[in-house]
């Protein structure tokens, strides 16, 4: 199992990463704020509709002329006049009608009143109605395979294709007009005599003018009528003939009955008076509608693309800043925000731009007398639109209070979205700054703390050498925090350990000094006792006592030697010596001292010099060679090799003997004081483990490295000493 190492820095940084939750909490907070703003926008927009509805309460005259009192309305029968945004050129084309040309009324032949159902000329037309600058504009696109114009100098205007339209005047009287031409071009309409159905004694009305234009599929009729002539009812009837000789009418297509004022279709022209009231509320930044009880739009004001509500959209481009932070924010931060956040998109599709009837459940509820609000998405899902509706009440002495219409206001959520984004960006900028500064400060503090802990660790490791001895002084920190307390505690601990180690190191010298006198007394007493006559049993005990005293004396001698060498090392005198020559002389002496052992010397380079004390080196070789002889097998040579390591300019001396192997655990403990690992057969000898301990001290004095391990072929043990060579 792999154990992951978690350092203090990693743990603290992991915990400090919880700071990254702050932007998430800020986002949740701003979302809650957005919900409150949406509720506030709903109440504000509802208040706007209520204020406008208050201005329209109890004003029935505003609705009488718009057929609002009719029980129902029918599309195609009851006509709607669109507001034109630009002047219309009377040329027979509808290219200048803008988007309104997409809201035409079609009157197919199969739904029209036909005078001759057997005709093969299937006539139908499309109708457009608009209002601009005090005029009603009408455009008819007629599909007729056999168009017939009135012959020149023919005073009868009904024996050819012609258009009749009827309307009520502002006083409520029915007025009928006819358009009949002899050729393409400009025309004026003719007015029927009052209460007459015959096209005789017609009066030319110069204020009603237009153009007749022949097309590939038939002809177009485009004309205008002053709104001062128009009341609240309007209808059109197209009469066509295919017989140029007789002029018999074979197709009659009408929008309503033009002969009966009660059956004549209604016309809804956006009310200028109500529009003035709505325009006074344009400061609300809302799109406003006023609908009658048939949900037909009788007035509107505002543009939904600008309807941001009570919170206008302000961009930073209006007040550009040239500061360094602003440039960074615009270059690096703002693109990230724009990618993450929902930014207002003003290119959404407005399906209600030219709508004539608001068939929404919201309006249905308002027409029942309730004030309601509703959020909806645009058709392209790019923006949320808030709608609010408030009923318009009119009192009736007979039926009581009744709803005559409703005020509908619409706003997008762009204002709230902009406020939310600005709040999030400002909050995120502050939080990012706080997190960045806190992260830097935390990193600096954490790095300082980690460095102090590492320094404390390194100092504690350096104060103790490989042999567990203390050397040098432990320097405590002057800081008053917990790490400073720890360093001072460790300093106190090191001082006490140093005192204890000093006592242990001096113990052998003191013991050997203090025990020599009583040992000498006991030994002399035993010698004197041995001169006296004694029984065999007594001689046996005396002999054992003398052997014990000899062993004890040997122990004291070894302890004294170790203490003496340790003290001598402090006063040693190093000098350049030839390591090979010294080694050769020592081996000659060992051959004389240990005649039962054989030695194999291998010198790769006899010129290697080291800076050393020759006496101490001889003692070093004595200790190691003595161990090698004791552990070597009978009649196996002890191999001594000296070679040069050119990589680090050192001399490597190895002493190898064939014999018992070392255990794989803690071989370096053999260099500690009072550590001895020997076979059971040698346990009766006096061995304190001081030989290798003294050898280690001498190596440390010469800055040499001493190691012991099993040889490569696992037939014995090899001791390796690495000496630094003197520069040539």
Foldseek 3Di string as FASTA:
>chain_A
DDDDDQDPVNVVVVVLCCLVCVLVVVLVVLVVVLVVVVVVLQVVQLVVQVVLLVVQFAPCVLCPQACLVPPAADPLQAAEAFEAPDDDDFDQDCPRRPPQVVVKDKFWQVPFDWPAPPDPWGKIWIWHWYDDDQKIKIKIDIQTPAAFADAPPDPAQQLGKKKKKWAAAQVGFIWIWIDGHNDWFKDFIWTDPGPDPDPPPTHTDPQWMHTWAADPRGIMTIIMDGCNGHTFFMKMKIWHDRDNPRSDTGGIGMSWDSPDSVTTHTYAAQDPVSQVSVVVVCVQLKWKFKAWLNQFTNYIDHDQLRSQGPFGFDDCVVPPDDDPVSVCCVPPVVVVLPVPAQAQDSPADDPCPGDGGDPDVQQVVQQVADWDKDWDAGPVRNWIKIKIKHFNWHQDPVPGIHTTIIMMIMYINNRSSNVSSVSSVVVVVVSVVVSVVVVVVVVVVVVVVVVLVVVLVVLVVVQADPQRAGDDAQDADPDPDPSSVVSVVVRVVVVVVNVVVVCVLCVLVVCLVVVPVVLVVQLVVLVVVVVDDDDPVVVVVSVVVNVVSVLVNVSSVLSNVLSVLLVVLVVAAWDKDFPLVLVVVLVVVVCVVCVQAAEAEAEPDRRFIATARSVLVSLLCVLVVVVQVVFADGPWHWYWYWDADPPQQKIKIKIWGFGDFDDPPPQVCLLHWQDDDDDPVCPVHRDRSCSSVSSVSRLVSQVKDWDKHADPVRRTIMIMIIGHTDDD
